[in-house]
Structure formats: structure tokens, C-alpha cells
């Protein structure tokens, strides 16, 4: 799976990380800790979304296995479209 990132968002994140490291070096640990905590929360949210996608895909695969058939072309297009809009 290819991960697409917005270069501007990545730059903002790198600047925030730089500022947090500067704060840590300056002894402002609460500021550095707040940034790290927000980063962990964002990563936890992204992981929860990814886990939900995996759960959904496993459910579909189990259902299809029980039905003993593959997706039709129309079902595959609909599933792909739904997955793309969910991410």
C-alpha cells in the first residue's frame, strides 16, 4: 500500500518536532511533552482507522468465503470506491 502524504503537512510536522526538540533542550519539558502527546494521539487515531479497515476487510472475506464465491465486478468497484472514500 502506497502512502500519500501532503508535503506541506509533513513540513509543518517537522517544524513542530524541531520546535519541541528546541524546547526540550531549553529545559521547557512541558512544551516538548505536549507536542509528543499530541503526536501519539494522532498516531493512535490513525492506527484505530487502519485497524477498522482491516476488521472490515476480514469480515468481507469471511462472508465471501461462506458464500463460496468471489466479488462480482460491480461489487468490487463499489467496495473499492467505499474503501477509497473511507480513507
PDB file of N, CA and C in Angstrom:
ATOM      1  N   UNK A   1       0.850  -1.175   0.000  1.00  0.00           N
ATOM      2  CA  UNK A   1       0.000   0.000   0.000  1.00  0.00           C
ATOM      3  C   UNK A   1       0.895   1.237   0.000  1.00  0.00           C
ATOM      4  N   UNK A   2       0.635   2.126  -0.916  1.00  0.00           N
ATOM      5  CA  UNK A   2       1.393   3.353  -1.027  1.00  0.00           C
ATOM      6  C   UNK A   2       0.758   4.412  -0.139  1.00  0.00           C
ATOM      7  N   UNK A   3       1.609   5.095   0.606  1.00  0.00           N
ATOM      8  CA  UNK A   3       1.100   6.136   1.493  1.00  0.00           C
ATOM      9  C   UNK A   3       1.339   7.492   0.844  1.00  0.00           C
ATOM     10  N   UNK A   4       0.262   8.246   0.657  1.00  0.00           N
ATOM     11  CA  UNK A   4       0.354   9.578   0.076  1.00  0.00           C
ATOM     12  C   UNK A   4       0.333  10.597   1.202  1.00  0.00           C
ATOM     13  N   UNK A   5       1.348  11.473   1.223  1.00  0.00           N
ATOM     14  CA  UNK A   5       1.394  12.498   2.252  1.00  0.00           C
ATOM     15  C   UNK A   5       1.450  13.862   1.589  1.00  0.00           C
ATOM     16  N   UNK A   6       0.881  14.814   2.265  1.00  0.00           N
ATOM     17  CA  UNK A   6       0.898  16.191   1.810  1.00  0.00           C
ATOM     18  C   UNK A   6       2.235  16.803   2.235  1.00  0.00           C
ATOM     19  N   UNK A   7       3.036  17.277   1.289  1.00  0.00           N
ATOM     20  CA  UNK A   7       4.345  17.841   1.654  1.00  0.00           C
ATOM     21  C   UNK A   7       4.246  18.996   2.642  1.00  0.00           C
ATOM     22  N   UNK A   8       3.192  19.811   2.513  1.00  0.00           N
ATOM     23  CA  UNK A   8       3.038  20.935   3.457  1.00  0.00           C
ATOM     24  C   UNK A   8       2.760  20.433   4.868  1.00  0.00           C
ATOM     25  N   UNK A   9       1.907  19.418   4.981  1.00  0.00           N
ATOM     26  CA  UNK A   9       1.606  18.858   6.301  1.00  0.00           C
ATOM     27  C   UNK A   9       2.848  18.221   6.906  1.00  0.00           C
ATOM     28  N   UNK A  10       3.634  17.578   6.065  1.00  0.00           N
ATOM     29  CA  UNK A  10       4.869  16.970   6.544  1.00  0.00           C
ATOM     30  C   UNK A  10       5.844  18.041   7.036  1.00  0.00           C
ATOM     31  N   UNK A  11       5.930  19.146   6.314  1.00  0.00           N
ATOM     32  CA  UNK A  11       6.802  20.249   6.712  1.00  0.00           C
ATOM     33  C   UNK A  11       6.348  20.861   8.033  1.00  0.00           C
ATOM     34  N   UNK A  12       5.046  21.030   8.189  1.00  0.00           N
ATOM     35  CA  UNK A  12       4.508  21.567   9.447  1.00  0.00           C
ATOM     36  C   UNK A  12       4.856  20.629  10.602  1.00  0.00           C
ATOM     37  N   UNK A  13       4.719  19.328  10.368  1.00  0.00           N
ATOM     38  CA  UNK A  13       5.036  18.344  11.412  1.00  0.00           C
ATOM     39  C   UNK A  13       6.529  18.378  11.769  1.00  0.00           C
ATOM     40  N   UNK A  14       7.377  18.478  10.759  1.00  0.00           N
ATOM     41  CA  UNK A  14       8.823  18.540  11.025  1.00  0.00           C
ATOM     42  C   UNK A  14       9.202  19.808  11.788  1.00  0.00           C
ATOM     43  N   UNK A  15       8.573  20.919  11.439  1.00  0.00           N
ATOM     44  CA  UNK A  15       8.844  22.164  12.174  1.00  0.00           C
ATOM     45  C   UNK A  15       8.383  22.054  13.625  1.00  0.00           C
ATOM     46  N   UNK A  16       7.227  21.434  13.837  1.00  0.00           N
ATOM     47  CA  UNK A  16       6.724  21.260  15.201  1.00  0.00           C
ATOM     48  C   UNK A  16       7.660  20.357  15.999  1.00  0.00           C
ATOM     49  N   UNK A  17       8.162  19.326  15.354  1.00  0.00           N
ATOM     50  CA  UNK A  17       9.110  18.432  16.036  1.00  0.00           C
ATOM     51  C   UNK A  17      10.404  19.182  16.373  1.00  0.00           C
ATOM     52  N   UNK A  18      10.891  19.980  15.441  1.00  0.00           N
ATOM     53  CA  UNK A  18      12.086  20.794  15.684  1.00  0.00           C
ATOM     54  C   UNK A  18      11.864  21.729  16.878  1.00  0.00           C
ATOM     55  N   UNK A  19      10.706  22.392  16.902  1.00  0.00           N
ATOM     56  CA  UNK A  19      10.402  23.318  17.998  1.00  0.00           C
ATOM     57  C   UNK A  19      10.315  22.589  19.337  1.00  0.00           C
ATOM     58  N   UNK A  20       9.755  21.374  19.310  1.00  0.00           N
ATOM     59  CA  UNK A  20       9.662  20.583  20.542  1.00  0.00           C
ATOM     60  C   UNK A  20      11.048  20.183  21.032  1.00  0.00           C
ATOM     61  N   UNK A  21      11.923  19.829  20.105  1.00  0.00           N
ATOM     62  CA  UNK A  21      13.289  19.477  20.494  1.00  0.00           C
ATOM     63  C   UNK A  21      14.038  20.692  21.048  1.00  0.00           C
ATOM     64  N   UNK A  22      13.822  21.852  20.417  1.00  0.00           N
ATOM     65  CA  UNK A  22      14.434  23.084  20.933  1.00  0.00           C
ATOM     66  C   UNK A  22      13.926  23.380  22.346  1.00  0.00           C
ATOM     67  N   UNK A  23      12.627  23.198  22.556  1.00  0.00           N
ATOM     68  CA  UNK A  23      12.043  23.437  23.874  1.00  0.00           C
ATOM     69  C   UNK A  23      12.643  22.482  24.901  1.00  0.00           C
ATOM     70  N   UNK A  24      12.834  21.237  24.488  1.00  0.00           N
ATOM     71  CA  UNK A  24      13.413  20.256  25.400  1.00  0.00           C
ATOM     72  C   UNK A  24      14.847  20.654  25.771  1.00  0.00           C
ATOM     73  N   UNK A  25      15.621  21.066  24.780  1.00  0.00           N
ATOM     74  CA  UNK A  25      16.996  21.493  25.042  1.00  0.00           C
ATOM     75  C   UNK A  25      17.044  22.738  25.929  1.00  0.00           C
ATOM     76  N   UNK A  26      16.028  23.590  25.789  1.00  0.00           N
ATOM     77  CA  UNK A  26      15.966  24.812  26.599  1.00  0.00           C
ATOM     78  C   UNK A  26      15.417  24.542  27.997  1.00  0.00           C
ATOM     79  N   UNK A  27      15.021  23.293  28.256  1.00  0.00           N
ATOM     80  CA  UNK A  27      14.511  22.950  29.578  1.00  0.00           C
ATOM     81  C   UNK A  27      13.011  23.107  29.719  1.00  0.00           C
ATOM     82  N   UNK A  28      12.314  23.410  28.626  1.00  0.00           N
ATOM     83  CA  UNK A  28      10.855  23.565  28.672  1.00  0.00           C
ATOM     84  C   UNK A  28      10.215  22.205  28.384  1.00  0.00           C
ATOM     85  N   UNK A  29      10.318  21.313  29.352  1.00  0.00           N
ATOM     86  CA  UNK A  29       9.824  19.953  29.162  1.00  0.00           C
ATOM     87  C   UNK A  29       8.305  19.864  28.977  1.00  0.00           C
ATOM     88  N   UNK A  30       7.512  20.688  29.670  1.00  0.00           N
ATOM     89  CA  UNK A  30       6.064  20.601  29.433  1.00  0.00           C
ATOM     90  C   UNK A  30       5.682  20.857  27.971  1.00  0.00           C
ATOM     91  N   UNK A  31       6.324  21.829  27.340  1.00  0.00           N
ATOM     92  CA  UNK A  31       6.012  22.121  25.933  1.00  0.00           C
ATOM     93  C   UNK A  31       6.389  20.933  25.044  1.00  0.00           C
ATOM     94  N   UNK A  32       7.570  20.381  25.258  1.00  0.00           N
ATOM     95  CA  UNK A  32       8.012  19.232  24.473  1.00  0.00           C
ATOM     96  C   UNK A  32       7.097  18.028  24.710  1.00  0.00           C
ATOM     97  N   UNK A  33       6.669  17.852  25.934  1.00  0.00           N
ATOM     98  CA  UNK A  33       5.799  16.728  26.277  1.00  0.00           C
ATOM     99  C   UNK A  33       4.431  16.876  25.623  1.00  0.00           C
ATOM    100  N   UNK A  34       3.902  18.088  25.585  1.00  0.00           N
ATOM    101  CA  UNK A  34       2.599  18.319  24.948  1.00  0.00           C
ATOM    102  C   UNK A  34       2.652  17.958  23.470  1.00  0.00           C
ATOM    103  N   UNK A  35       3.734  18.360  22.792  1.00  0.00           N
ATOM    104  CA  UNK A  35       3.861  18.031  21.373  1.00  0.00           C
ATOM    105  C   UNK A  35       3.910  16.515  21.183  1.00  0.00           C
ATOM    106  N   UNK A  36       4.713  15.839  22.001  1.00  0.00           N
ATOM    107  CA  UNK A  36       4.830  14.387  21.883  1.00  0.00           C
ATOM    108  C   UNK A  36       3.501  13.704  22.163  1.00  0.00           C
ATOM    109  N   UNK A  37       2.769  14.201  23.140  1.00  0.00           N
ATOM    110  CA  UNK A  37       1.473  13.623  23.472  1.00  0.00           C
ATOM    111  C   UNK A  37       0.491  13.786  22.312  1.00  0.00           C
ATOM    112  N   UNK A  38       0.483  14.959  21.679  1.00  0.00           N
ATOM    113  CA  UNK A  38      -0.404  15.174  20.528  1.00  0.00           C
ATOM    114  C   UNK A  38      -0.022  14.247  19.371  1.00  0.00           C
ATOM    115  N   UNK A  39       1.275  14.055  19.186  1.00  0.00           N
ATOM    116  CA  UNK A  39       1.741  13.155  18.121  1.00  0.00           C
ATOM    117  C   UNK A  39       1.276  11.724  18.388  1.00  0.00           C
ATOM    118  N   UNK A  40       1.391  11.290  19.613  1.00  0.00           N
ATOM    119  CA  UNK A  40       0.949   9.936  19.975  1.00  0.00           C
ATOM    120  C   UNK A  40      -0.558   9.792  19.753  1.00  0.00           C
ATOM    121  N   UNK A  41      -1.331  10.804  20.119  1.00  0.00           N
ATOM    122  CA  UNK A  41      -2.784  10.754  19.904  1.00  0.00           C
ATOM    123  C   UNK A  41      -3.122  10.649  18.416  1.00  0.00           C
ATOM    124  N   UNK A  42      -2.413  11.432  17.582  1.00  0.00           N
ATOM    125  CA  UNK A  42      -2.653  11.363  16.130  1.00  0.00           C
ATOM    126  C   UNK A  42      -2.320   9.981  15.591  1.00  0.00           C
ATOM    127  N   UNK A  43      -1.218   9.420  16.054  1.00  0.00           N
ATOM    128  CA  UNK A  43      -0.831   8.094  15.591  1.00  0.00           C
ATOM    129  C   UNK A  43      -1.809   7.028  16.072  1.00  0.00           C
ATOM    130  N   UNK A  44      -2.304   7.175  17.277  1.00  0.00           N
ATOM    131  CA  UNK A  44      -3.286   6.231  17.809  1.00  0.00           C
ATOM    132  C   UNK A  44      -4.575   6.287  16.990  1.00  0.00           C
ATOM    133  N   UNK A  45      -4.978   7.495  16.611  1.00  0.00           N
ATOM    134  CA  UNK A  45      -6.183   7.648  15.794  1.00  0.00           C
ATOM    135  C   UNK A  45      -5.990   7.011  14.413  1.00  0.00           C
ATOM    136  N   UNK A  46      -4.827   7.238  13.813  1.00  0.00           N
ATOM    137  CA  UNK A  46      -4.543   6.643  12.501  1.00  0.00           C
ATOM    138  C   UNK A  46      -4.509   5.119  12.596  1.00  0.00           C
ATOM    139  N   UNK A  47      -3.946   4.597  13.677  1.00  0.00           N
ATOM    140  CA  UNK A  47      -3.903   3.150  13.866  1.00  0.00           C
ATOM    141  C   UNK A  47      -5.302   2.574  14.063  1.00  0.00           C
ATOM    142  N   UNK A  48      -6.141   3.285  14.796  1.00  0.00           N
ATOM    143  CA  UNK A  48      -7.517   2.826  15.002  1.00  0.00           C
ATOM    144  C   UNK A  48      -8.265   2.762  13.673  1.00  0.00           C
ATOM    145  N   UNK A  49      -8.071   3.764  12.815  1.00  0.00           N
ATOM    146  CA  UNK A  49      -8.710   3.749  11.493  1.00  0.00           C
ATOM    147  C   UNK A  49      -8.210   2.586  10.650  1.00  0.00           C
ATOM    148  N   UNK A  50      -6.901   2.354  10.677  1.00  0.00           N
ATOM    149  CA  UNK A  50      -6.329   1.238   9.929  1.00  0.00           C
ATOM    150  C   UNK A  50      -6.852  -0.092  10.449  1.00  0.00           C
ATOM    151  N   UNK A  51      -6.915  -0.231  11.761  1.00  0.00           N
ATOM    152  CA  UNK A  51      -7.452  -1.464  12.347  1.00  0.00           C
ATOM    153  C   UNK A  51      -8.905  -1.685  11.936  1.00  0.00           C
ATOM    154  N   UNK A  52      -9.695  -0.616  11.867  1.00  0.00           N
ATOM    155  CA  UNK A  52     -11.087  -0.748  11.456  1.00  0.00           C
ATOM    156  C   UNK A  52     -11.183  -1.213  10.013  1.00  0.00           C
ATOM    157  N   UNK A  53     -10.317  -0.701   9.153  1.00  0.00           N
ATOM    158  CA  UNK A  53     -10.301  -1.140   7.752  1.00  0.00           C
ATOM    159  C   UNK A  53      -9.978  -2.624   7.664  1.00  0.00           C
ATOM    160  N   UNK A  54      -9.004  -3.076   8.470  1.00  0.00           N
ATOM    161  CA  UNK A  54      -8.629  -4.495   8.467  1.00  0.00           C
ATOM    162  C   UNK A  54      -9.795  -5.351   8.939  1.00  0.00           C
ATOM    163  N   UNK A  55     -10.455  -4.918   9.999  1.00  0.00           N
ATOM    164  CA  UNK A  55     -11.619  -5.658  10.513  1.00  0.00           C
ATOM    165  C   UNK A  55     -12.703  -5.748   9.438  1.00  0.00           C
ATOM    166  N   UNK A  56     -12.969  -4.628   8.759  1.00  0.00           N
ATOM    167  CA  UNK A  56     -13.982  -4.624   7.703  1.00  0.00           C
ATOM    168  C   UNK A  56     -13.604  -5.560   6.566  1.00  0.00           C
ATOM    169  N   UNK A  57     -12.339  -5.530   6.165  1.00  0.00           N
ATOM    170  CA  UNK A  57     -11.898  -6.390   5.066  1.00  0.00           C
ATOM    171  C   UNK A  57     -11.974  -7.862   5.453  1.00  0.00           C
ATOM    172  N   UNK A  58     -11.599  -8.179   6.678  1.00  0.00           N
ATOM    173  CA  UNK A  58     -11.694  -9.571   7.131  1.00  0.00           C
ATOM    174  C   UNK A  58     -13.147 -10.040   7.149  1.00  0.00           C
ATOM    175  N   UNK A  59     -14.044  -9.168   7.578  1.00  0.00           N
ATOM    176  CA  UNK A  59     -15.455  -9.514   7.592  1.00  0.00           C
ATOM    177  C   UNK A  59     -15.951  -9.833   6.181  1.00  0.00           C
ATOM    178  N   UNK A  60     -15.577  -8.988   5.226  1.00  0.00           N
ATOM    179  CA  UNK A  60     -15.984  -9.211   3.838  1.00  0.00           C
ATOM    180  C   UNK A  60     -15.415 -10.528   3.326  1.00  0.00           C
ATOM    181  N   UNK A  61     -14.147 -10.790   3.608  1.00  0.00           N
ATOM    182  CA  UNK A  61     -13.532 -12.031   3.140  1.00  0.00           C
ATOM    183  C   UNK A  61     -14.193 -13.265   3.760  1.00  0.00           C
ATOM    184  N   UNK A  62     -14.492 -13.195   5.050  1.00  0.00           N
ATOM    185  CA  UNK A  62     -15.177 -14.327   5.690  1.00  0.00           C
ATOM    186  C   UNK A  62     -16.555 -14.537   5.089  1.00  0.00           C
ATOM    187  N   UNK A  63     -17.272 -13.439   4.865  1.00  0.00           N
ATOM    188  CA  UNK A  63     -18.617 -13.533   4.284  1.00  0.00           C
ATOM    189  C   UNK A  63     -18.559 -14.155   2.899  1.00  0.00           C
ATOM    190  N   UNK A  64     -17.620 -13.697   2.080  1.00  0.00           N
ATOM    191  CA  UNK A  64     -17.486 -14.252   0.732  1.00  0.00           C
ATOM    192  C   UNK A  64     -17.072 -15.720   0.773  1.00  0.00           C
ATOM    193  N   UNK A  65     -16.210 -16.072   1.726  1.00  0.00           N
ATOM    194  CA  UNK A  65     -15.797 -17.465   1.859  1.00  0.00           C
ATOM    195  C   UNK A  65     -16.992 -18.340   2.213  1.00  0.00           C
ATOM    196  N   UNK A  66     -17.838 -17.833   3.102  1.00  0.00           N
ATOM    197  CA  UNK A  66     -19.035 -18.586   3.482  1.00  0.00           C
ATOM    198  C   UNK A  66     -20.000 -18.719   2.313  1.00  0.00           C
ATOM    199  N   UNK A  67     -20.062 -17.683   1.462  1.00  0.00           N
ATOM    200  CA  UNK A  67     -20.931 -17.739   0.294  1.00  0.00           C
ATOM    201  C   UNK A  67     -20.337 -18.629  -0.796  1.00  0.00           C
ATOM    202  N   UNK A  68     -19.026 -18.858  -0.730  1.00  0.00           N
ATOM    203  CA  UNK A  68     -18.362 -19.702  -1.708  1.00  0.00           C
ATOM    204  C   UNK A  68     -18.205 -19.050  -3.071  1.00  0.00           C
ATOM    205  N   UNK A  69     -18.032 -17.742  -3.083  1.00  0.00           N
ATOM    206  CA  UNK A  69     -17.874 -17.065  -4.368  1.00  0.00           C
ATOM    207  C   UNK A  69     -16.990 -15.841  -4.210  1.00  0.00           C
ATOM    208  N   UNK A  70     -16.579 -15.269  -5.329  1.00  0.00           N
ATOM    209  CA  UNK A  70     -15.790 -14.043  -5.347  1.00  0.00           C
ATOM    210  C   UNK A  70     -16.728 -12.864  -5.560  1.00  0.00           C
ATOM    211  N   UNK A  71     -16.167 -11.673  -5.445  1.00  0.00           N
ATOM    212  CA  UNK A  71     -16.944 -10.470  -5.730  1.00  0.00           C
ATOM    213  C   UNK A  71     -17.209 -10.367  -7.222  1.00  0.00           C
ATOM    214  N   UNK A  72     -18.381  -9.877  -7.561  1.00  0.00           N
ATOM    215  CA  UNK A  72     -18.650  -9.550  -8.961  1.00  0.00           C
ATOM    216  C   UNK A  72     -17.899  -8.260  -9.284  1.00  0.00           C
ATOM    217  N   UNK A  73     -17.762  -7.956 -10.572  1.00  0.00           N
ATOM    218  CA  UNK A  73     -17.052  -6.738 -10.971  1.00  0.00           C
ATOM    219  C   UNK A  73     -17.717  -5.511 -10.363  1.00  0.00           C
ATOM    220  N   UNK A  74     -19.031  -5.495 -10.347  1.00  0.00           N
ATOM    221  CA  UNK A  74     -19.766  -4.358  -9.774  1.00  0.00           C
ATOM    222  C   UNK A  74     -19.541  -4.254  -8.272  1.00  0.00           C
ATOM    223  N   UNK A  75     -19.556  -5.378  -7.574  1.00  0.00           N
ATOM    224  CA  UNK A  75     -19.318  -5.376  -6.131  1.00  0.00           C
ATOM    225  C   UNK A  75     -17.894  -4.913  -5.815  1.00  0.00           C
ATOM    226  N   UNK A  76     -16.935  -5.351  -6.632  1.00  0.00           N
ATOM    227  CA  UNK A  76     -15.551  -4.947  -6.425  1.00  0.00           C
ATOM    228  C   UNK A  76     -15.391  -3.438  -6.605  1.00  0.00           C
ATOM    229  N   UNK A  77     -16.003  -2.877  -7.649  1.00  0.00           N
ATOM    230  CA  UNK A  77     -15.930  -1.424  -7.871  1.00  0.00           C
ATOM    231  C   UNK A  77     -16.549  -0.666  -6.696  1.00  0.00           C
ATOM    232  N   UNK A  78     -17.696  -1.129  -6.234  1.00  0.00           N
ATOM    233  CA  UNK A  78     -18.373  -0.464  -5.116  1.00  0.00           C
ATOM    234  C   UNK A  78     -17.529  -0.544  -3.843  1.00  0.00           C
ATOM    235  N   UNK A  79     -16.923  -1.697  -3.586  1.00  0.00           N
ATOM    236  CA  UNK A  79     -16.100  -1.866  -2.391  1.00  0.00           C
ATOM    237  C   UNK A  79     -14.853  -0.999  -2.472  1.00  0.00           C
ATOM    238  N   UNK A  80     -14.243  -0.947  -3.650  1.00  0.00           N
ATOM    239  CA  UNK A  80     -13.046  -0.130  -3.836  1.00  0.00           C
ATOM    240  C   UNK A  80     -13.379   1.347  -3.652  1.00  0.00           C
ATOM    241  N   UNK A  81     -14.506   1.772  -4.196  1.00  0.00           N
ATOM    242  CA  UNK A  81     -14.925   3.165  -4.055  1.00  0.00           C
ATOM    243  C   UNK A  81     -15.215   3.501  -2.592  1.00  0.00           C
ATOM    244  N   UNK A  82     -15.903   2.601  -1.898  1.00  0.00           N
ATOM    245  CA  UNK A  82     -16.224   2.819  -0.479  1.00  0.00           C
ATOM    246  C   UNK A  82     -14.958   2.872   0.360  1.00  0.00           C
ATOM    247  N   UNK A  83     -13.989   2.012   0.040  1.00  0.00           N
ATOM    248  CA  UNK A  83     -12.741   1.993   0.795  1.00  0.00           C
ATOM    249  C   UNK A  83     -11.944   3.273   0.539  1.00  0.00           C
ATOM    250  N   UNK A  84     -11.946   3.756  -0.694  1.00  0.00           N
ATOM    251  CA  UNK A  84     -11.216   4.972  -1.024  1.00  0.00           C
ATOM    252  C   UNK A  84     -11.811   6.191  -0.323  1.00  0.00           C
ATOM    253  N   UNK A  85     -13.136   6.240  -0.211  1.00  0.00           N
ATOM    254  CA  UNK A  85     -13.772   7.383   0.455  1.00  0.00           C
ATOM    255  C   UNK A  85     -13.612   7.297   1.972  1.00  0.00           C
ATOM    256  N   UNK A  86     -13.439   6.084   2.502  1.00  0.00           N
ATOM    257  CA  UNK A  86     -13.288   5.921   3.943  1.00  0.00           C
ATOM    258  C   UNK A  86     -11.892   6.319   4.423  1.00  0.00           C
ATOM    259  N   UNK A  87     -10.902   6.268   3.527  1.00  0.00           N
ATOM    260  CA  UNK A  87      -9.539   6.591   3.975  1.00  0.00           C
ATOM    261  C   UNK A  87      -9.189   8.028   3.797  1.00  0.00           C
TER     262      UNK A  87
END
